[in-house]
Amino acid sequence: MRQIKHPNMDQVELTDIMYALSDPTRLEIVGRLANAGRKLTCGELDLNRPKSSMSHHFKILRAAGLVETLIEGTEHMNALRVAEIEQKFPGVLQSVLIALNKSS
């Protein structure tokens, strides 16, 4: 079975995170993952967009260190890397999520 690559947190830069969060679709994915409080499948996060578009957005979120995607059987389960991001960049993700919740 294929493994999905994720960067180590020491490779993640704040500029990568901010770039990933600059797109409304990716911001919505992050917000939904945060509000769900659990891993979500790609299907639960499709946002009525083409699969190829969503794959692109997940690739950017993974490369930025924001999302971890695990393969469980035939499902791709996605989760925010909240604790790891908080440890490296204290308060950044929480600030984004608070602002996102206020705007919705």
C-alpha atoms as a PDB file:
ATOM      1  CA  MET A   1       0.000   0.000   0.000  1.00  0.00           C
ATOM      2  CA  ARG A   2       1.191   3.487  -0.867  1.00  0.00           C
ATOM      3  CA  GLN A   3       2.328   5.794   1.905  1.00  0.00           C
ATOM      4  CA  ILE A   4       1.681   9.515   1.688  1.00  0.00           C
ATOM      5  CA  LYS A   5       4.648  11.791   2.395  1.00  0.00           C
ATOM      6  CA  HIS A   6       4.397  14.385   5.138  1.00  0.00           C
ATOM      7  CA  PRO A   7       7.124  16.847   6.076  1.00  0.00           C
ATOM      8  CA  ASN A   8       8.758  16.705   9.471  1.00  0.00           C
ATOM      9  CA  MET A   9       7.835  19.765  11.508  1.00  0.00           C
ATOM     10  CA  ASP A  10      11.449  20.946  11.473  1.00  0.00           C
ATOM     11  CA  GLN A  11      11.059  21.305   7.681  1.00  0.00           C
ATOM     12  CA  VAL A  12       7.857  23.353   7.925  1.00  0.00           C
ATOM     13  CA  GLU A  13       8.123  27.109   7.544  1.00  0.00           C
ATOM     14  CA  LEU A  14       5.550  29.667   8.645  1.00  0.00           C
ATOM     15  CA  THR A  15       5.452  31.056   5.098  1.00  0.00           C
ATOM     16  CA  ASP A  16       4.355  27.604   3.837  1.00  0.00           C
ATOM     17  CA  ILE A  17       1.508  27.530   6.344  1.00  0.00           C
ATOM     18  CA  MET A  18       0.378  31.040   5.516  1.00  0.00           C
ATOM     19  CA  TYR A  19       0.523  30.327   1.767  1.00  0.00           C
ATOM     20  CA  ALA A  20      -1.588  27.195   2.221  1.00  0.00           C
ATOM     21  CA  LEU A  21      -4.139  29.145   4.252  1.00  0.00           C
ATOM     22  CA  SER A  22      -4.335  31.960   1.688  1.00  0.00           C
ATOM     23  CA  ASP A  23      -6.695  29.983  -0.535  1.00  0.00           C
ATOM     24  CA  PRO A  24     -10.399  29.977   0.422  1.00  0.00           C
ATOM     25  CA  THR A  25     -10.865  26.291  -0.429  1.00  0.00           C
ATOM     26  CA  ARG A  26      -7.913  25.204   1.708  1.00  0.00           C
ATOM     27  CA  LEU A  27      -9.042  27.487   4.509  1.00  0.00           C
ATOM     28  CA  GLU A  28     -12.475  25.857   4.381  1.00  0.00           C
ATOM     29  CA  ILE A  29     -10.907  22.385   4.525  1.00  0.00           C
ATOM     30  CA  VAL A  30      -8.868  23.374   7.592  1.00  0.00           C
ATOM     31  CA  GLY A  31     -11.933  24.911   9.230  1.00  0.00           C
ATOM     32  CA  ARG A  32     -14.042  21.803   8.633  1.00  0.00           C
ATOM     33  CA  LEU A  33     -11.311  19.534  10.006  1.00  0.00           C
ATOM     34  CA  ALA A  34     -10.975  21.716  13.099  1.00  0.00           C
ATOM     35  CA  ASN A  35     -14.722  21.861  13.708  1.00  0.00           C
ATOM     36  CA  ALA A  36     -15.169  18.125  13.175  1.00  0.00           C
ATOM     37  CA  GLY A  37     -12.692  17.270  15.918  1.00  0.00           C
ATOM     38  CA  ARG A  38     -11.975  13.957  14.196  1.00  0.00           C
ATOM     39  CA  LYS A  39     -10.401  12.564  11.052  1.00  0.00           C
ATOM     40  CA  LEU A  40     -12.482  13.128   7.934  1.00  0.00           C
ATOM     41  CA  THR A  41     -12.413  11.283   4.629  1.00  0.00           C
ATOM     42  CA  CYS A  42     -11.713  13.099   1.393  1.00  0.00           C
ATOM     43  CA  GLY A  43     -15.338  12.448   0.444  1.00  0.00           C
ATOM     44  CA  GLU A  44     -16.541  14.311   3.528  1.00  0.00           C
ATOM     45  CA  LEU A  45     -14.412  17.270   2.447  1.00  0.00           C
ATOM     46  CA  ASP A  46     -15.138  17.377  -1.297  1.00  0.00           C
ATOM     47  CA  LEU A  47     -16.788  20.844  -1.148  1.00  0.00           C
ATOM     48  CA  ASN A  48     -18.522  20.108  -4.484  1.00  0.00           C
ATOM     49  CA  ARG A  49     -15.265  20.543  -6.379  1.00  0.00           C
ATOM     50  CA  PRO A  50     -13.609  18.166  -8.846  1.00  0.00           C
ATOM     51  CA  LYS A  51     -11.515  15.386  -7.330  1.00  0.00           C
ATOM     52  CA  SER A  52      -8.404  16.660  -9.136  1.00  0.00           C
ATOM     53  CA  SER A  53      -8.874  20.112  -7.606  1.00  0.00           C
ATOM     54  CA  MET A  54      -9.311  18.675  -4.128  1.00  0.00           C
ATOM     55  CA  SER A  55      -6.226  16.462  -4.563  1.00  0.00           C
ATOM     56  CA  HIS A  56      -4.228  19.576  -5.417  1.00  0.00           C
ATOM     57  CA  HIS A  57      -5.467  21.394  -2.300  1.00  0.00           C
ATOM     58  CA  PHE A  58      -4.704  18.421  -0.031  1.00  0.00           C
ATOM     59  CA  LYS A  59      -1.212  18.164  -1.513  1.00  0.00           C
ATOM     60  CA  ILE A  60      -0.525  21.802  -0.630  1.00  0.00           C
ATOM     61  CA  LEU A  61      -1.976  21.391   2.883  1.00  0.00           C
ATOM     62  CA  ARG A  62       0.197  18.307   3.473  1.00  0.00           C
ATOM     63  CA  ALA A  63       3.321  19.998   2.093  1.00  0.00           C
ATOM     64  CA  ALA A  64       2.714  22.944   4.433  1.00  0.00           C
ATOM     65  CA  GLY A  65       2.519  20.567   7.399  1.00  0.00           C
ATOM     66  CA  LEU A  66      -1.084  21.427   8.209  1.00  0.00           C
ATOM     67  CA  VAL A  67      -2.780  18.154   7.334  1.00  0.00           C
ATOM     68  CA  GLU A  68      -1.847  14.536   7.830  1.00  0.00           C
ATOM     69  CA  THR A  69      -3.482  12.023   5.501  1.00  0.00           C
ATOM     70  CA  LEU A  70      -3.526   8.389   6.566  1.00  0.00           C
ATOM     71  CA  ILE A  71      -4.697   5.523   4.406  1.00  0.00           C
ATOM     72  CA  GLU A  72      -7.094   3.247   6.276  1.00  0.00           C
ATOM     73  CA  GLY A  73      -8.279   0.479   3.978  1.00  0.00           C
ATOM     74  CA  THR A  74      -9.656   2.248   0.940  1.00  0.00           C
ATOM     75  CA  GLU A  75     -10.231   5.563   2.698  1.00  0.00           C
ATOM     76  CA  HIS A  76      -7.899   8.537   2.967  1.00  0.00           C
ATOM     77  CA  MET A  77      -8.402   9.949   6.449  1.00  0.00           C
ATOM     78  CA  ASN A  78      -7.368  13.570   7.028  1.00  0.00           C
ATOM     79  CA  ALA A  79      -6.536  15.288  10.294  1.00  0.00           C
ATOM     80  CA  LEU A  80      -5.047  18.613  11.295  1.00  0.00           C
ATOM     81  CA  ARG A  81      -1.596  18.462  12.862  1.00  0.00           C
ATOM     82  CA  VAL A  82      -2.754  20.863  15.596  1.00  0.00           C
ATOM     83  CA  ALA A  83      -0.403  19.825  18.414  1.00  0.00           C
ATOM     84  CA  GLU A  84       2.665  19.806  16.189  1.00  0.00           C
ATOM     85  CA  ILE A  85       1.864  23.187  14.655  1.00  0.00           C
ATOM     86  CA  GLU A  86       1.079  24.659  18.068  1.00  0.00           C
ATOM     87  CA  GLN A  87       4.421  23.475  19.404  1.00  0.00           C
ATOM     88  CA  LYS A  88       6.396  25.017  16.535  1.00  0.00           C
ATOM     89  CA  PHE A  89       4.274  28.130  15.930  1.00  0.00           C
ATOM     90  CA  PRO A  90       2.363  28.844  19.169  1.00  0.00           C
ATOM     91  CA  GLY A  91      -1.006  30.487  18.627  1.00  0.00           C
ATOM     92  CA  VAL A  92      -0.851  30.724  14.828  1.00  0.00           C
ATOM     93  CA  LEU A  93      -3.353  28.046  13.910  1.00  0.00           C
ATOM     94  CA  GLN A  94      -5.644  28.898  16.821  1.00  0.00           C
ATOM     95  CA  SER A  95      -5.692  32.556  15.721  1.00  0.00           C
ATOM     96  CA  VAL A  96      -6.599  31.559  12.174  1.00  0.00           C
ATOM     97  CA  LEU A  97      -9.363  29.243  13.388  1.00  0.00           C
ATOM     98  CA  ILE A  98     -10.800  31.898  15.709  1.00  0.00           C
ATOM     99  CA  ALA A  99     -10.851  34.435  12.870  1.00  0.00           C
ATOM    100  CA  LEU A 100     -12.414  31.864  10.545  1.00  0.00           C
ATOM    101  CA  ASN A 101     -15.186  31.064  13.048  1.00  0.00           C
ATOM    102  CA  LYS A 102     -15.920  34.754  13.564  1.00  0.00           C
ATOM    103  CA  SER A 103     -16.285  35.339   9.829  1.00  0.00           C
ATOM    104  CA  SER A 104     -18.711  32.450   9.289  1.00  0.00           C
END
